[in-house]
Structures are given as C-alpha cells and as structure tokens.
C-alpha atoms as a PDB file:
ATOM      1  CA  UNK A   1      30.812  29.452-130.229  1.00  0.00           C
ATOM      2  CA  UNK A   2      31.107  25.666-130.137  1.00  0.00           C
ATOM      3  CA  UNK A   3      34.482  25.940-131.843  1.00  0.00           C
ATOM      4  CA  UNK A   4      35.676  28.422-129.220  1.00  0.00           C
ATOM      5  CA  UNK A   5      34.584  26.129-126.358  1.00  0.00           C
ATOM      6  CA  UNK A   6      36.417  23.181-127.940  1.00  0.00           C
ATOM      7  CA  UNK A   7      39.537  25.311-128.362  1.00  0.00           C
ATOM      8  CA  UNK A   8      39.460  26.341-124.708  1.00  0.00           C
ATOM      9  CA  UNK A   9      38.986  22.725-123.585  1.00  0.00           C
ATOM     10  CA  UNK A  10      41.928  21.681-125.745  1.00  0.00           C
ATOM     11  CA  UNK A  11      44.117  24.409-124.225  1.00  0.00           C
ATOM     12  CA  UNK A  12      43.146  23.326-120.689  1.00  0.00           C
ATOM     13  CA  UNK A  13      43.851  19.676-121.474  1.00  0.00           C
ATOM     14  CA  UNK A  14      47.224  20.567-123.007  1.00  0.00           C
ATOM     15  CA  UNK A  15      48.123  22.670-119.947  1.00  0.00           C
ATOM     16  CA  UNK A  16      47.169  19.814-117.642  1.00  0.00           C
ATOM     17  CA  UNK A  17      49.359  17.402-119.581  1.00  0.00           C
ATOM     18  CA  UNK A  18      52.246  19.865-119.431  1.00  0.00           C
ATOM     19  CA  UNK A  19      51.846  20.276-115.662  1.00  0.00           C
ATOM     20  CA  UNK A  20      51.647  16.522-115.174  1.00  0.00           C
ATOM     21  CA  UNK A  21      54.830  16.106-117.156  1.00  0.00           C
ATOM     22  CA  UNK A  22      56.521  18.872-115.180  1.00  0.00           C
ATOM     23  CA  UNK A  23      55.389  17.296-111.921  1.00  0.00           C
ATOM     24  CA  UNK A  24      56.772  13.920-112.957  1.00  0.00           C
ATOM     25  CA  UNK A  25      60.119  15.499-113.810  1.00  0.00           C
ATOM     26  CA  UNK A  26      60.179  17.350-110.507  1.00  0.00           C
ATOM     27  CA  UNK A  27      59.387  14.195-108.569  1.00  0.00           C
ATOM     28  CA  UNK A  28      62.242  12.395-110.286  1.00  0.00           C
ATOM     29  CA  UNK A  29      64.749  15.182-109.751  1.00  0.00           C
ATOM     30  CA  UNK A  30      65.990  14.053-106.293  1.00  0.00           C
ATOM     31  CA  UNK A  31      67.514  11.024-108.017  1.00  0.00           C
ATOM     32  CA  UNK A  32      69.207  13.138-110.666  1.00  0.00           C
ATOM     33  CA  UNK A  33      72.328  13.580-108.547  1.00  0.00           C
ATOM     34  CA  UNK A  34      73.004   9.854-108.267  1.00  0.00           C
ATOM     35  CA  UNK A  35      76.104   9.130-110.325  1.00  0.00           C
ATOM     36  CA  UNK A  36      76.968   5.851-111.950  1.00  0.00           C
ATOM     37  CA  UNK A  37      80.726   6.191-111.634  1.00  0.00           C
ATOM     38  CA  UNK A  38      83.421   3.592-111.195  1.00  0.00           C
ATOM     39  CA  UNK A  39      86.140   3.936-108.583  1.00  0.00           C
ATOM     40  CA  UNK A  40      89.516   4.939-110.007  1.00  0.00           C
ATOM     41  CA  UNK A  41      92.233   3.549-107.729  1.00  0.00           C
ATOM     42  CA  UNK A  42      95.536   5.177-108.565  1.00  0.00           C
ATOM     43  CA  UNK A  43      94.096   8.338-110.094  1.00  0.00           C
ATOM     44  CA  UNK A  44      95.556  11.532-108.595  1.00  0.00           C
ATOM     45  CA  UNK A  45      93.407  14.629-109.141  1.00  0.00           C
ATOM     46  CA  UNK A  46      95.087  17.937-109.894  1.00  0.00           C
ATOM     47  CA  UNK A  47      94.953  20.854-107.424  1.00  0.00           C
ATOM     48  CA  UNK A  48      92.492  22.543-109.785  1.00  0.00           C
ATOM     49  CA  UNK A  49      90.166  19.534-109.693  1.00  0.00           C
ATOM     50  CA  UNK A  50      90.253  19.517-105.893  1.00  0.00           C
ATOM     51  CA  UNK A  51      89.348  23.209-105.612  1.00  0.00           C
ATOM     52  CA  UNK A  52      85.595  23.494-105.080  1.00  0.00           C
ATOM     53  CA  UNK A  53      83.584  26.624-105.813  1.00  0.00           C
ATOM     54  CA  UNK A  54      79.982  27.623-105.219  1.00  0.00           C
ATOM     55  CA  UNK A  55      77.814  26.075-102.491  1.00  0.00           C
ATOM     56  CA  UNK A  56      80.080  23.059-101.910  1.00  0.00           C
ATOM     57  CA  UNK A  57      83.118  25.198-101.174  1.00  0.00           C
ATOM     58  CA  UNK A  58      84.166  25.117 -97.493  1.00  0.00           C
ATOM     59  CA  UNK A  59      82.695  28.177 -95.765  1.00  0.00           C
ATOM     60  CA  UNK A  60      81.325  29.549 -92.505  1.00  0.00           C
ATOM     61  CA  UNK A  61      77.517  29.769 -92.645  1.00  0.00           C
ATOM     62  CA  UNK A  62      74.541  30.623 -90.454  1.00  0.00           C
ATOM     63  CA  UNK A  63      73.413  27.384 -88.776  1.00  0.00           C
ATOM     64  CA  UNK A  64      70.792  27.186 -86.052  1.00  0.00           C
ATOM     65  CA  UNK A  65      71.041  24.053 -83.909  1.00  0.00           C
ATOM     66  CA  UNK A  66      70.756  22.862 -80.330  1.00  0.00           C
ATOM     67  CA  UNK A  67      73.927  20.780 -80.738  1.00  0.00           C
ATOM     68  CA  UNK A  68      77.014  21.885 -78.823  1.00  0.00           C
ATOM     69  CA  UNK A  69      79.981  23.533 -80.553  1.00  0.00           C
ATOM     70  CA  UNK A  70      82.324  20.905 -81.954  1.00  0.00           C
ATOM     71  CA  UNK A  71      79.489  18.552 -82.998  1.00  0.00           C
ATOM     72  CA  UNK A  72      79.415  17.217 -86.548  1.00  0.00           C
ATOM     73  CA  UNK A  73      75.990  17.355 -88.181  1.00  0.00           C
ATOM     74  CA  UNK A  74      75.470  15.694 -91.574  1.00  0.00           C
ATOM     75  CA  UNK A  75      72.464  16.641 -93.708  1.00  0.00           C
ATOM     76  CA  UNK A  76      72.444  13.785 -96.184  1.00  0.00           C
ATOM     77  CA  UNK A  77      69.666  15.186 -98.382  1.00  0.00           C
ATOM     78  CA  UNK A  78      71.465  18.514 -98.821  1.00  0.00           C
ATOM     79  CA  UNK A  79      74.963  16.988 -99.302  1.00  0.00           C
ATOM     80  CA  UNK A  80      76.462  19.084 -96.501  1.00  0.00           C
ATOM     81  CA  UNK A  81      78.488  18.339 -93.387  1.00  0.00           C
ATOM     82  CA  UNK A  82      78.466  20.998 -90.666  1.00  0.00           C
ATOM     83  CA  UNK A  83      80.971  21.458 -87.860  1.00  0.00           C
ATOM     84  CA  UNK A  84      79.095  23.483 -85.239  1.00  0.00           C
ATOM     85  CA  UNK A  85      80.943  26.597 -84.058  1.00  0.00           C
ATOM     86  CA  UNK A  86      78.406  28.210 -81.729  1.00  0.00           C
ATOM     87  CA  UNK A  87      76.655  31.600 -82.039  1.00  0.00           C
ATOM     88  CA  UNK A  88      74.475  30.107 -84.809  1.00  0.00           C
ATOM     89  CA  UNK A  89      77.493  29.483 -87.021  1.00  0.00           C
ATOM     90  CA  UNK A  90      79.067  26.368 -88.501  1.00  0.00           C
ATOM     91  CA  UNK A  91      81.791  25.443 -90.954  1.00  0.00           C
ATOM     92  CA  UNK A  92      80.020  23.843 -93.903  1.00  0.00           C
ATOM     93  CA  UNK A  93      81.671  21.262 -96.159  1.00  0.00           C
ATOM     94  CA  UNK A  94      80.300  19.826 -99.393  1.00  0.00           C
ATOM     95  CA  UNK A  95      80.149  16.028 -99.326  1.00  0.00           C
ATOM     96  CA  UNK A  96      79.298  12.968-101.365  1.00  0.00           C
ATOM     97  CA  UNK A  97      76.833  10.603 -99.680  1.00  0.00           C
ATOM     98  CA  UNK A  98      75.469   7.089 -99.994  1.00  0.00           C
ATOM     99  CA  UNK A  99      73.523   6.161-103.097  1.00  0.00           C
ATOM    100  CA  UNK A 100      69.916   5.015-102.824  1.00  0.00           C
ATOM    101  CA  UNK A 101      69.699   1.998-100.531  1.00  0.00           C
ATOM    102  CA  UNK A 102      72.913   2.945 -98.694  1.00  0.00           C
ATOM    103  CA  UNK A 103      71.801   6.104 -96.898  1.00  0.00           C
ATOM    104  CA  UNK A 104      71.290   6.060 -93.150  1.00  0.00           C
ATOM    105  CA  UNK A 105      70.669   8.259 -90.107  1.00  0.00           C
ATOM    106  CA  UNK A 106      71.754   8.080 -86.478  1.00  0.00           C
ATOM    107  CA  UNK A 107      73.911   9.431 -83.688  1.00  0.00           C
ATOM    108  CA  UNK A 108      77.438   8.206 -82.979  1.00  0.00           C
ATOM    109  CA  UNK A 109      80.910   9.372 -81.985  1.00  0.00           C
ATOM    110  CA  UNK A 110      84.160   9.534 -83.889  1.00  0.00           C
ATOM    111  CA  UNK A 111      86.047   6.506 -82.555  1.00  0.00           C
ATOM    112  CA  UNK A 112      89.220   6.570 -84.618  1.00  0.00           C
ATOM    113  CA  UNK A 113      91.235   8.816 -86.943  1.00  0.00           C
ATOM    114  CA  UNK A 114      93.791   7.859 -89.553  1.00  0.00           C
ATOM    115  CA  UNK A 115      96.030   9.665 -92.025  1.00  0.00           C
ATOM    116  CA  UNK A 116      96.246   8.181 -95.514  1.00  0.00           C
ATOM    117  CA  UNK A 117      94.101   5.134 -94.678  1.00  0.00           C
ATOM    118  CA  UNK A 118      94.281   1.855 -96.565  1.00  0.00           C
ATOM    119  CA  UNK A 119      91.368   0.952 -98.827  1.00  0.00           C
ATOM    120  CA  UNK A 120      89.438  -2.304 -98.797  1.00  0.00           C
ATOM    121  CA  UNK A 121      86.456  -2.081-101.170  1.00  0.00           C
ATOM    122  CA  UNK A 122      83.243  -3.361 -99.518  1.00  0.00           C
ATOM    123  CA  UNK A 123      81.634  -6.528-100.956  1.00  0.00           C
ATOM    124  CA  UNK A 124      78.831  -4.622-102.695  1.00  0.00           C
ATOM    125  CA  UNK A 125      81.421  -2.508-104.522  1.00  0.00           C
ATOM    126  CA  UNK A 126      83.379  -5.605-105.552  1.00  0.00           C
ATOM    127  CA  UNK A 127      80.120  -7.060-106.860  1.00  0.00           C
ATOM    128  CA  UNK A 128      79.564  -4.008-109.051  1.00  0.00           C
ATOM    129  CA  UNK A 129      83.215  -3.711-110.099  1.00  0.00           C
ATOM    130  CA  UNK A 130      84.866  -7.150-109.789  1.00  0.00           C
ATOM    131  CA  UNK A 131      88.137  -5.901-111.310  1.00  0.00           C
ATOM    132  CA  UNK A 132      88.903  -3.686-108.275  1.00  0.00           C
ATOM    133  CA  UNK A 133      91.847  -4.594-106.040  1.00  0.00           C
ATOM    134  CA  UNK A 134      90.876  -6.201-102.740  1.00  0.00           C
ATOM    135  CA  UNK A 135      93.377  -3.988-100.917  1.00  0.00           C
ATOM    136  CA  UNK A 136      95.234  -0.769-101.655  1.00  0.00           C
ATOM    137  CA  UNK A 137      97.744   0.850 -99.312  1.00  0.00           C
ATOM    138  CA  UNK A 138      97.117   4.430 -98.295  1.00  0.00           C
ATOM    139  CA  UNK A 139      98.648   7.260-100.287  1.00  0.00           C
ATOM    140  CA  UNK A 140      97.944   9.649-103.158  1.00  0.00           C
ATOM    141  CA  UNK A 141      95.526   8.048-105.611  1.00  0.00           C
ATOM    142  CA  UNK A 142      93.826   5.984-102.914  1.00  0.00           C
ATOM    143  CA  UNK A 143      89.999   6.271-103.085  1.00  0.00           C
ATOM    144  CA  UNK A 144      89.926   6.792 -99.282  1.00  0.00           C
ATOM    145  CA  UNK A 145      91.867  10.010 -99.713  1.00  0.00           C
ATOM    146  CA  UNK A 146      94.136  11.793 -97.298  1.00  0.00           C
ATOM    147  CA  UNK A 147      92.268  11.272 -94.008  1.00  0.00           C
ATOM    148  CA  UNK A 148      89.560   9.122 -92.456  1.00  0.00           C
ATOM    149  CA  UNK A 149      87.388   9.554 -89.378  1.00  0.00           C
ATOM    150  CA  UNK A 150      85.672   6.345 -88.274  1.00  0.00           C
ATOM    151  CA  UNK A 151      82.042   6.559 -87.121  1.00  0.00           C
ATOM    152  CA  UNK A 152      81.180   4.583 -83.979  1.00  0.00           C
ATOM    153  CA  UNK A 153      81.282   0.827 -84.433  1.00  0.00           C
ATOM    154  CA  UNK A 154      79.779   1.079 -87.907  1.00  0.00           C
ATOM    155  CA  UNK A 155      81.512   0.362 -91.204  1.00  0.00           C
ATOM    156  CA  UNK A 156      81.037   4.007 -92.191  1.00  0.00           C
ATOM    157  CA  UNK A 157      83.654   6.752 -92.308  1.00  0.00           C
ATOM    158  CA  UNK A 158      84.134  10.368 -93.187  1.00  0.00           C
ATOM    159  CA  UNK A 159      87.022  10.281 -95.626  1.00  0.00           C
ATOM    160  CA  UNK A 160      88.722  11.959 -98.535  1.00  0.00           C
ATOM    161  CA  UNK A 161      88.441  11.022-102.179  1.00  0.00           C
ATOM    162  CA  UNK A 162      90.450  10.965-105.389  1.00  0.00           C
ATOM    163  CA  UNK A 163      87.254  11.796-107.316  1.00  0.00           C
ATOM    164  CA  UNK A 164      86.386  15.399-106.430  1.00  0.00           C
ATOM    165  CA  UNK A 165      83.711  15.469-109.148  1.00  0.00           C
ATOM    166  CA  UNK A 166      81.536  13.233-106.940  1.00  0.00           C
ATOM    167  CA  UNK A 167      81.090  15.869-104.215  1.00  0.00           C
ATOM    168  CA  UNK A 168      77.428  16.845-104.001  1.00  0.00           C
ATOM    169  CA  UNK A 169      76.230  13.507-105.357  1.00  0.00           C
ATOM    170  CA  UNK A 170      74.885  10.200-104.025  1.00  0.00           C
ATOM    171  CA  UNK A 171      77.707   7.851-104.957  1.00  0.00           C
ATOM    172  CA  UNK A 172      79.068   5.882-102.008  1.00  0.00           C
ATOM    173  CA  UNK A 173      78.212   2.742-100.059  1.00  0.00           C
ATOM    174  CA  UNK A 174      77.197   4.839 -97.034  1.00  0.00           C
ATOM    175  CA  UNK A 175      80.380   6.762 -96.213  1.00  0.00           C
ATOM    176  CA  UNK A 176      80.711  10.536 -96.488  1.00  0.00           C
ATOM    177  CA  UNK A 177      83.448  11.780 -98.801  1.00  0.00           C
ATOM    178  CA  UNK A 178      85.104  15.195 -98.940  1.00  0.00           C
ATOM    179  CA  UNK A 179      87.856  16.568-101.136  1.00  0.00           C
ATOM    180  CA  UNK A 180      91.244  15.978 -99.548  1.00  0.00           C
ATOM    181  CA  UNK A 181      91.790  19.588 -98.493  1.00  0.00           C
ATOM    182  CA  UNK A 182      88.453  19.642 -96.686  1.00  0.00           C
ATOM    183  CA  UNK A 183      88.797  16.288 -94.960  1.00  0.00           C
ATOM    184  CA  UNK A 184      92.276  17.312 -93.762  1.00  0.00           C
ATOM    185  CA  UNK A 185      90.832  20.558 -92.389  1.00  0.00           C
ATOM    186  CA  UNK A 186      88.049  18.660 -90.598  1.00  0.00           C
ATOM    187  CA  UNK A 187      90.489  16.021 -89.324  1.00  0.00           C
ATOM    188  CA  UNK A 188      92.638  18.716 -87.723  1.00  0.00           C
ATOM    189  CA  UNK A 189      89.638  20.300 -85.969  1.00  0.00           C
ATOM    190  CA  UNK A 190      87.906  17.165 -84.659  1.00  0.00           C
ATOM    191  CA  UNK A 191      89.171  15.002 -81.763  1.00  0.00           C
ATOM    192  CA  UNK A 192      88.293  11.365 -81.118  1.00  0.00           C
ATOM    193  CA  UNK A 193      85.039  11.260 -79.156  1.00  0.00           C
ATOM    194  CA  UNK A 194      83.371  13.989 -81.212  1.00  0.00           C
ATOM    195  CA  UNK A 195      79.604  13.557 -81.497  1.00  0.00           C
ATOM    196  CA  UNK A 196      78.245  13.076 -85.013  1.00  0.00           C
ATOM    197  CA  UNK A 197      74.566  13.373 -85.920  1.00  0.00           C
ATOM    198  CA  UNK A 198      73.502  12.091 -89.337  1.00  0.00           C
ATOM    199  CA  UNK A 199      70.123  13.328 -90.569  1.00  0.00           C
ATOM    200  CA  UNK A 200      67.934  12.336 -93.482  1.00  0.00           C
ATOM    201  CA  UNK A 201      65.340  14.624 -95.071  1.00  0.00           C
ATOM    202  CA  UNK A 202      62.590  13.457 -92.712  1.00  0.00           C
ATOM    203  CA  UNK A 203      64.745  14.286 -89.691  1.00  0.00           C
ATOM    204  CA  UNK A 204      65.485  17.910 -90.615  1.00  0.00           C
END
C-alpha cells in the first residue's frame, strides 16, 4: 500500500513538472517569431518568394469594427494590417512588425506616399549592422521595397520589403512591412489623409 501511495505521488509530481515546463514554453512562445536577420540591400527576391500562402496571403475577411470604410487598422500582435471595406469586411494583409522594444500603438493619418522610396537605415540598425550603406536609392533590391506610406509625423512607414520571409515576424525598427505586391495593392487603394489605427494586444 505504501509503495502504491509513493508511486501515485511520484506520478503527480512528474505531471506537475511537465505542466510547469509546458507553461514556461507557452509563455515564451510570443517571442518565438522574433527573427534575428540582417538586412540584405541589393537582394531581389524571386516572384515565387514574394507569393504568400496561408493566413498571411492577401484576402477579404470578416472584420467587425466601428472604424469607417477606408481606414487602416494594424493589429501588431497578430501581424495583420486591415483595410476596412464596410459590411463587416476588410482586406487583410500579412505584415512584419517592430521587434521587442520597437512596437507602438496610436492613431495617425497617412501624410505622404512614395513609389520606390530611398532607404536610409535608422541609427539603431546601423549600430547592429555597421557595414550597411548610409543611403540606398530606391529600386529593386531596396529594403524599403516598391512603395511607402508615411505615418503622420512619425519616423514610421508602411512599406515593401526585399525579404518576404520576414512577413509574420517581429523584425523591424517599428515600421510595418509587406511583400511588394501587397504594398503596391494597398498604395493604390489608400489616399493621403487616410486614418490609420495601430493596436497592440492590450488594445484589441
């Protein structure tokens, strides 16, 4: 009998340790999508690389919001950008977002648009990768991608990327990146003055 009781206690203790380990892994999982990846100025992804599939593929989805049609809503935690269409629908784009320490929330307007923008790496990026050029003219292979939409008076932008593998991850210095086909689609739909609402997990 005593042996049986000890065996049961051992099983319970082992289960508890397993659950604690599982809980620790689950708690750490939100950071699992942060990528340590260097910028690759000059790299031109193939059409196959820029074709997204699955949840990050551009698609019309059910989206309940009080925001007016034409508003951009960014859900940073989910890695999605929504362009509200009305009737509880939105066009959803997969995005890359700011890494830990560079994420933000707020309400602004799109103040400027540019095709094939130039790239000037921010100081924190230069600090991490001192070999990067201080300036790169816009064009294929530019890390800013095919289009840029500038957010208010901030330093942040919605822009393209020459690294489509980073979509769905926390990789940037606070900007939102889309594959070039998606940012071009968004650029063509959104006029200057468009409202943009950026939400963190606590704001959802």
